[in-house]
N, C-alpha and C. Protein backbone atom coordinates (compact mmCIF):
# COMPACT_ATOMS: atom_id res chain seq x y z
N UNK A 1 -5.04 21.43 4.31
CA UNK A 1 -5.58 19.97 4.62
C UNK A 1 -5.52 19.92 6.25
N UNK A 2 -6.61 19.36 6.65
CA UNK A 2 -6.68 19.16 8.03
C UNK A 2 -5.74 18.17 8.66
N UNK A 3 -5.01 18.44 9.74
CA UNK A 3 -4.00 17.71 10.34
C UNK A 3 -4.72 16.20 10.76
N UNK A 4 -5.94 16.25 11.31
CA UNK A 4 -6.51 15.13 11.83
C UNK A 4 -6.79 14.11 10.51
N UNK A 5 -7.13 14.75 9.28
CA UNK A 5 -7.38 13.86 8.18
C UNK A 5 -6.08 13.26 7.81
N UNK A 6 -4.86 13.98 7.64
CA UNK A 6 -3.61 13.54 7.23
C UNK A 6 -3.20 12.36 8.24
N UNK A 7 -3.45 12.62 9.62
CA UNK A 7 -3.03 11.72 10.52
C UNK A 7 -3.75 10.34 10.35
N UNK A 8 -5.06 10.39 10.21
CA UNK A 8 -5.77 9.17 9.98
C UNK A 8 -5.67 8.40 8.64
N UNK A 9 -5.39 9.33 7.54
CA UNK A 9 -5.06 8.66 6.19
C UNK A 9 -3.71 7.97 6.24
N UNK A 10 -2.76 8.30 7.24
CA UNK A 10 -1.59 7.68 7.17
C UNK A 10 -1.40 6.60 8.29
N UNK A 11 -2.38 6.40 9.08
CA UNK A 11 -2.40 5.41 9.96
C UNK A 11 -3.00 3.97 9.31
N UNK A 12 -2.04 2.97 9.26
CA UNK A 12 -2.68 1.84 8.49
C UNK A 12 -3.62 1.00 9.38
N UNK A 13 -4.61 0.45 8.63
CA UNK A 13 -5.58 -0.62 9.11
C UNK A 13 -4.73 -1.98 9.18
N UNK A 14 -5.17 -2.86 9.87
CA UNK A 14 -4.47 -4.15 9.91
C UNK A 14 -4.23 -4.65 8.67
N UNK A 15 -5.31 -4.61 7.88
CA UNK A 15 -5.14 -5.34 6.43
C UNK A 15 -4.34 -4.57 5.36
N UNK A 16 -4.05 -3.29 5.62
CA UNK A 16 -3.43 -2.62 4.62
C UNK A 16 -2.20 -1.75 4.98
N UNK A 17 -1.07 -2.65 5.25
CA UNK A 17 0.24 -1.92 5.85
C UNK A 17 1.13 -2.04 4.63
N UNK A 18 1.97 -0.85 4.51
CA UNK A 18 3.00 -0.76 3.61
C UNK A 18 4.16 -0.35 4.45
N UNK A 19 5.29 -0.95 4.19
CA UNK A 19 6.52 -0.71 4.92
C UNK A 19 7.31 0.60 4.32
N UNK A 20 7.27 1.78 4.78
CA UNK A 20 8.11 2.76 4.22
C UNK A 20 9.51 2.74 4.47
N UNK A 21 10.35 3.04 3.48
CA UNK A 21 11.75 3.08 3.65
C UNK A 21 12.21 4.52 3.76
N UNK A 22 12.70 4.94 5.03
CA UNK A 22 13.07 6.35 5.28
C UNK A 22 14.35 6.62 4.30
N UNK A 23 15.13 5.59 4.12
CA UNK A 23 16.32 5.90 3.39
C UNK A 23 15.94 6.18 2.01
N UNK A 24 15.05 5.41 1.39
CA UNK A 24 14.53 5.57 -0.04
C UNK A 24 13.82 6.91 -0.16
N UNK A 25 13.05 7.30 0.88
CA UNK A 25 12.45 8.54 0.73
C UNK A 25 13.56 9.57 0.65
N UNK A 26 14.50 9.64 1.56
CA UNK A 26 15.52 10.66 1.58
C UNK A 26 16.28 10.57 0.30
N UNK A 27 16.56 9.52 -0.29
CA UNK A 27 17.11 9.40 -1.66
C UNK A 27 16.44 10.10 -2.64
N UNK A 28 15.07 9.69 -2.73
CA UNK A 28 14.17 10.49 -3.74
C UNK A 28 14.11 11.96 -3.36
N UNK A 29 14.04 12.38 -2.23
CA UNK A 29 14.11 13.75 -1.73
C UNK A 29 15.30 14.41 -2.22
N UNK A 30 16.45 13.74 -2.15
CA UNK A 30 17.74 14.27 -2.55
C UNK A 30 17.83 14.57 -4.12
N UNK A 31 17.26 13.45 -4.70
CA UNK A 31 17.15 13.55 -6.28
C UNK A 31 16.46 14.73 -6.80
N UNK A 32 15.40 15.21 -6.07
CA UNK A 32 14.59 16.43 -6.22
C UNK A 32 15.18 17.61 -5.74
N UNK A 33 16.23 17.57 -4.89
CA UNK A 33 16.83 18.60 -4.34
C UNK A 33 15.87 19.35 -3.31
N UNK A 34 15.13 18.67 -2.52
CA UNK A 34 13.99 19.21 -1.60
C UNK A 34 14.40 19.13 -0.23
N UNK A 35 14.16 20.13 0.44
CA UNK A 35 14.49 20.20 1.97
C UNK A 35 13.33 19.47 2.50
N UNK A 36 13.43 19.13 3.81
CA UNK A 36 12.14 18.55 4.53
C UNK A 36 10.97 19.58 4.39
N UNK A 37 11.42 20.82 4.76
CA UNK A 37 10.36 21.95 4.68
C UNK A 37 9.73 22.04 3.26
N UNK A 38 10.52 21.96 2.26
CA UNK A 38 9.96 22.06 0.88
C UNK A 38 8.98 20.78 0.74
N UNK A 39 9.41 19.71 1.09
CA UNK A 39 8.55 18.55 0.91
C UNK A 39 7.36 18.57 1.58
N UNK A 40 7.39 19.01 2.90
CA UNK A 40 6.14 19.17 3.72
C UNK A 40 5.17 20.09 3.09
N UNK A 41 5.68 21.27 2.62
CA UNK A 41 4.77 22.28 1.90
C UNK A 41 4.15 21.76 0.78
N UNK A 42 4.82 20.94 -0.06
CA UNK A 42 4.26 20.19 -1.18
C UNK A 42 3.30 19.21 -0.73
N UNK A 43 3.52 18.42 0.34
CA UNK A 43 2.68 17.46 0.73
C UNK A 43 1.32 18.06 1.50
N UNK A 44 1.60 19.17 2.04
CA UNK A 44 0.44 19.98 2.70
C UNK A 44 0.44 19.84 4.11
N UNK A 45 1.61 19.50 4.81
CA UNK A 45 1.73 19.49 6.16
C UNK A 45 2.72 20.25 6.70
N UNK A 46 2.89 20.44 8.13
CA UNK A 46 4.19 20.87 8.71
C UNK A 46 5.30 20.08 8.53
N UNK A 47 6.39 20.55 8.74
CA UNK A 47 7.69 19.84 8.59
C UNK A 47 7.63 18.79 9.89
N UNK A 48 7.20 19.09 11.00
CA UNK A 48 7.09 18.27 12.18
C UNK A 48 6.06 17.08 11.80
N UNK A 49 5.08 17.36 11.20
CA UNK A 49 3.94 16.25 10.93
C UNK A 49 4.62 15.31 9.86
N UNK A 50 5.37 15.87 8.91
CA UNK A 50 5.96 15.07 7.81
C UNK A 50 6.98 14.14 8.51
N UNK A 51 7.77 14.63 9.32
CA UNK A 51 8.63 13.74 10.10
C UNK A 51 7.96 12.67 10.87
N UNK A 52 6.98 12.90 11.43
CA UNK A 52 6.15 11.88 12.16
C UNK A 52 5.68 10.90 11.05
N UNK A 53 5.09 11.24 9.98
CA UNK A 53 4.74 10.34 9.02
C UNK A 53 5.84 9.47 8.55
N UNK A 54 7.09 10.21 8.15
CA UNK A 54 8.20 9.34 7.73
C UNK A 54 8.83 8.35 8.71
N UNK A 55 8.57 8.61 9.96
CA UNK A 55 9.09 7.74 11.03
C UNK A 55 8.25 6.66 11.43
N UNK A 56 6.96 6.68 10.91
CA UNK A 56 5.86 5.73 11.26
C UNK A 56 6.24 4.30 10.73
N UNK A 57 6.93 4.15 9.74
CA UNK A 57 7.46 2.92 9.07
C UNK A 57 6.38 2.10 8.34
N UNK A 58 5.15 1.98 8.94
CA UNK A 58 4.09 1.41 8.35
C UNK A 58 3.01 2.37 7.99
N UNK A 59 2.73 2.48 6.79
CA UNK A 59 1.58 3.62 6.31
C UNK A 59 0.62 2.86 5.45
N UNK A 60 -0.49 3.73 5.16
CA UNK A 60 -1.52 3.28 4.35
C UNK A 60 -1.06 3.31 2.86
N UNK A 61 -1.74 2.69 1.89
CA UNK A 61 -1.52 2.91 0.58
C UNK A 61 -1.74 4.36 0.04
N UNK A 62 -2.74 4.95 0.60
CA UNK A 62 -3.18 6.29 0.23
C UNK A 62 -2.01 7.29 0.66
N UNK A 63 -1.47 7.01 1.87
CA UNK A 63 -0.21 7.94 2.28
C UNK A 63 0.85 7.67 1.41
N UNK A 64 1.19 6.49 1.04
CA UNK A 64 2.40 6.06 0.29
C UNK A 64 2.22 6.79 -1.15
N UNK A 65 0.90 6.59 -1.58
CA UNK A 65 0.76 7.37 -2.89
C UNK A 65 0.84 8.77 -2.94
N UNK A 66 0.49 9.48 -1.80
CA UNK A 66 0.67 10.84 -1.75
C UNK A 66 2.24 11.29 -1.56
N UNK A 67 2.90 10.50 -0.78
CA UNK A 67 4.28 10.69 -0.60
C UNK A 67 5.14 10.55 -1.96
N UNK A 68 4.69 9.54 -2.84
CA UNK A 68 5.35 9.31 -4.08
C UNK A 68 5.00 10.35 -4.98
N UNK A 69 3.77 10.86 -4.97
CA UNK A 69 3.35 12.03 -5.86
C UNK A 69 4.17 13.08 -5.55
N UNK A 70 4.34 13.49 -4.17
CA UNK A 70 4.95 14.57 -3.75
C UNK A 70 6.63 14.55 -4.25
N UNK A 71 7.07 13.48 -4.33
CA UNK A 71 8.44 13.10 -4.69
C UNK A 71 8.65 12.87 -6.18
N UNK A 72 7.67 12.80 -6.78
CA UNK A 72 7.55 12.62 -8.26
C UNK A 72 8.14 11.20 -8.65
N UNK A 73 7.89 10.19 -7.93
CA UNK A 73 8.46 8.81 -8.20
C UNK A 73 7.31 7.89 -7.99
N UNK A 74 7.65 6.63 -8.32
CA UNK A 74 6.61 5.39 -8.13
C UNK A 74 6.64 5.01 -6.73
N UNK A 75 5.45 4.67 -6.37
CA UNK A 75 5.20 4.15 -5.03
C UNK A 75 6.37 3.00 -4.52
N UNK A 76 6.66 2.23 -5.44
CA UNK A 76 7.70 1.15 -5.13
C UNK A 76 8.88 1.75 -4.76
N UNK A 77 9.35 2.98 -5.18
CA UNK A 77 10.63 3.59 -5.05
C UNK A 77 10.94 4.03 -3.59
N UNK A 78 9.80 4.00 -2.86
CA UNK A 78 9.90 4.59 -1.42
C UNK A 78 9.60 3.45 -0.46
N UNK A 79 9.20 2.27 -0.73
CA UNK A 79 8.87 1.29 0.09
C UNK A 79 9.91 0.26 0.24
N UNK A 80 10.04 -0.34 1.44
CA UNK A 80 11.09 -1.41 1.71
C UNK A 80 10.77 -2.63 0.65
N UNK A 81 11.87 -3.31 0.35
CA UNK A 81 11.78 -4.52 -0.41
C UNK A 81 11.05 -5.57 0.36
N UNK A 82 10.10 -6.31 -0.29
CA UNK A 82 9.35 -7.31 0.28
C UNK A 82 10.28 -8.62 0.10
N UNK A 83 10.37 -9.36 1.31
CA UNK A 83 11.20 -10.61 1.23
C UNK A 83 10.33 -11.76 0.73
N UNK A 84 10.85 -12.56 -0.14
CA UNK A 84 10.17 -13.86 -0.52
C UNK A 84 9.30 -13.49 -1.69
N UNK A 85 9.37 -12.41 -2.31
CA UNK A 85 8.41 -12.02 -3.31
C UNK A 85 9.18 -12.03 -4.79
């Protein structure tokens, strides 16, 4: 997969922001016994690029879906809780 494509698909537009929880991602990664390198390989990017994505905090629904698929979980399992919902 092209790095530029992955970068742009994870950059949120103003109207479509999802707040990623790094702690929840790490918990799901631990449940699957995956290292960052293994997760990056499954996702299709380098370890460095995956860390950039995980540290973005706000990502697109497409990126959230790809991360959840990589971890074998539901998207809601890796997002921050929405207050007031």
